Amino acid sequence: MKFSATTLVLGLVSAVLGQETLTIDSPTAAYYCEPLSITWQGGEGPYNLVYLIGGTTPIPGHEFFATGVPGYSYEWTVSVTYYTPIALVVQDSTGAMAESATFYVEYGTCS
C-alpha cells in the first residue's frame, strides 16, 4: 500500500480540524471553602487549571491549582477569600487556553 505526501497532509489537516475549540463554562456561584465543579469542552488533554484575581492577574505562588487533569471536569475546593472577583482558565496540552467570565467568590460555610 502506497501513501503519498498529499494523503499524509490531508490526514493531518482533518485530524486538526476535527479538534473542538477549547472553552470553559463560567460558574454562576462559588463559595469560599466549598466544592466547585469546573467543566470545559474541547482541546486536547491533559489539562491545567489556574485562577485569576479580577480576571487578569495570576496569583503569585498559585500558578496552576490542578495539573494533568485527564477529563473535562474538576472538583475544586475554593481557596480564594470571599468577596474576591476571579476568573478560571483552562490550558490544554497544546498550550491553548480558555477563560471563564469573572465572578465573585461568596461567603462559604467555613468562613
Protein backbone atom coordinates (compact mmCIF):
# COMPACT_ATOMS: atom_id res chain seq x y z
CA MET A 1 0.00 0.00 0.00
CA LYS A 2 1.48 3.37 -1.01
CA PHE A 3 0.86 6.68 0.76
CA SER A 4 1.59 9.98 -0.87
CA ALA A 5 2.61 13.20 0.83
CA THR A 6 -0.80 14.62 -0.10
CA THR A 7 -2.58 11.79 1.71
CA LEU A 8 -0.45 12.37 4.80
CA VAL A 9 -1.10 16.13 4.80
CA LEU A 10 -4.85 15.66 4.28
CA GLY A 11 -4.93 13.20 7.17
CA LEU A 12 -3.15 15.64 9.49
CA VAL A 13 -5.37 18.54 8.43
CA SER A 14 -8.55 16.56 9.07
CA ALA A 15 -7.24 15.49 12.49
CA VAL A 16 -6.50 19.11 13.45
CA LEU A 17 -9.80 20.41 12.07
CA GLY A 18 -11.63 17.67 13.96
CA GLN A 19 -10.49 19.10 17.30
CA GLU A 20 -13.09 21.09 19.13
CA THR A 21 -12.19 24.62 20.26
CA LEU A 22 -11.30 24.77 23.96
CA THR A 23 -13.98 26.52 26.06
CA ILE A 24 -14.63 26.68 29.81
CA ASP A 25 -18.03 27.03 31.46
CA SER A 26 -18.44 30.12 33.67
CA PRO A 27 -19.63 29.29 37.20
CA THR A 28 -22.78 31.06 38.35
CA ALA A 29 -21.70 30.94 42.00
CA ALA A 30 -18.64 29.95 44.03
CA TYR A 31 -18.40 29.78 47.81
CA TYR A 32 -15.23 30.05 49.90
CA CYS A 33 -14.11 26.67 51.25
CA GLU A 34 -16.82 24.75 49.36
CA PRO A 35 -16.53 22.47 46.31
CA LEU A 36 -16.96 23.99 42.86
CA SER A 37 -17.42 21.80 39.80
CA ILE A 38 -15.41 23.24 36.90
CA THR A 39 -16.22 21.96 33.41
CA TRP A 40 -14.86 22.59 29.94
CA GLN A 41 -15.05 21.22 26.40
CA GLY A 42 -12.66 20.70 23.50
CA GLY A 43 -8.94 20.95 23.31
CA GLU A 44 -6.52 18.12 23.90
CA GLY A 45 -5.84 16.67 27.35
CA PRO A 46 -4.41 16.55 29.83
CA TYR A 47 -5.45 19.96 31.17
CA ASN A 48 -4.18 22.50 33.73
CA LEU A 49 -6.30 24.98 35.71
CA VAL A 50 -5.43 28.37 37.20
CA TYR A 51 -7.50 31.18 38.71
CA LEU A 52 -7.00 34.89 38.09
CA ILE A 53 -7.80 37.64 40.58
CA GLY A 54 -10.07 40.20 38.93
CA GLY A 55 -9.90 38.11 35.78
CA THR A 56 -6.43 39.37 34.87
CA THR A 57 -3.74 38.73 37.48
CA PRO A 58 -2.32 35.26 38.17
CA ILE A 59 -1.92 34.59 41.88
CA PRO A 60 1.79 34.55 42.84
CA GLY A 61 2.74 31.09 44.06
CA HIS A 62 -0.52 29.58 42.85
CA GLU A 63 0.26 29.08 39.19
CA PHE A 64 -1.87 26.01 38.46
CA PHE A 65 -4.12 24.65 41.19
CA ALA A 66 -4.67 21.49 39.16
CA THR A 67 -2.31 19.92 36.63
CA GLY A 68 -2.54 16.89 34.39
CA VAL A 69 -6.34 16.62 34.63
CA PRO A 70 -7.35 13.86 32.17
CA GLY A 71 -11.04 14.62 31.59
CA TYR A 72 -13.37 17.57 31.09
CA SER A 73 -14.17 18.39 34.71
CA TYR A 74 -12.51 19.06 38.04
CA GLU A 75 -13.89 19.44 41.57
CA TRP A 76 -12.07 22.31 43.33
CA THR A 77 -12.49 23.33 46.96
CA VAL A 78 -12.49 27.12 46.59
CA SER A 79 -9.46 28.53 48.40
CA VAL A 80 -9.90 32.16 47.37
CA THR A 81 -11.20 34.51 50.06
CA TYR A 82 -14.82 35.60 49.76
CA TYR A 83 -15.77 38.88 48.02
CA THR A 84 -12.87 38.35 45.60
CA PRO A 85 -13.51 38.59 41.85
CA ILE A 86 -11.84 35.73 39.97
CA ALA A 87 -11.85 34.04 36.57
CA LEU A 88 -10.85 30.47 35.79
CA VAL A 89 -8.50 29.47 32.99
CA VAL A 90 -8.09 26.01 31.47
CA GLN A 91 -4.98 25.20 29.42
CA ASP A 92 -4.69 22.10 27.25
CA SER A 93 -1.61 20.08 26.33
CA THR A 94 -1.05 22.16 23.17
CA GLY A 95 -0.91 25.41 25.20
CA ALA A 96 -4.35 26.62 24.08
CA MET A 97 -6.25 28.46 26.83
CA ALA A 98 -9.85 29.43 27.56
CA GLU A 99 -11.01 31.85 30.28
CA SER A 100 -14.32 31.98 32.12
CA ALA A 101 -16.24 35.16 32.80
CA THR A 102 -15.20 36.92 36.01
CA PHE A 103 -17.33 36.05 39.05
CA TYR A 104 -17.23 36.70 42.81
CA VAL A 105 -16.37 34.18 45.49
CA GLU A 106 -19.11 34.37 48.10
CA TYR A 107 -19.19 33.75 51.84
CA GLY A 108 -18.99 29.99 52.50
CA THR A 109 -19.75 27.63 55.35
CA CYS A 110 -16.23 27.58 56.82
CA SER A 111 -15.63 31.34 56.75
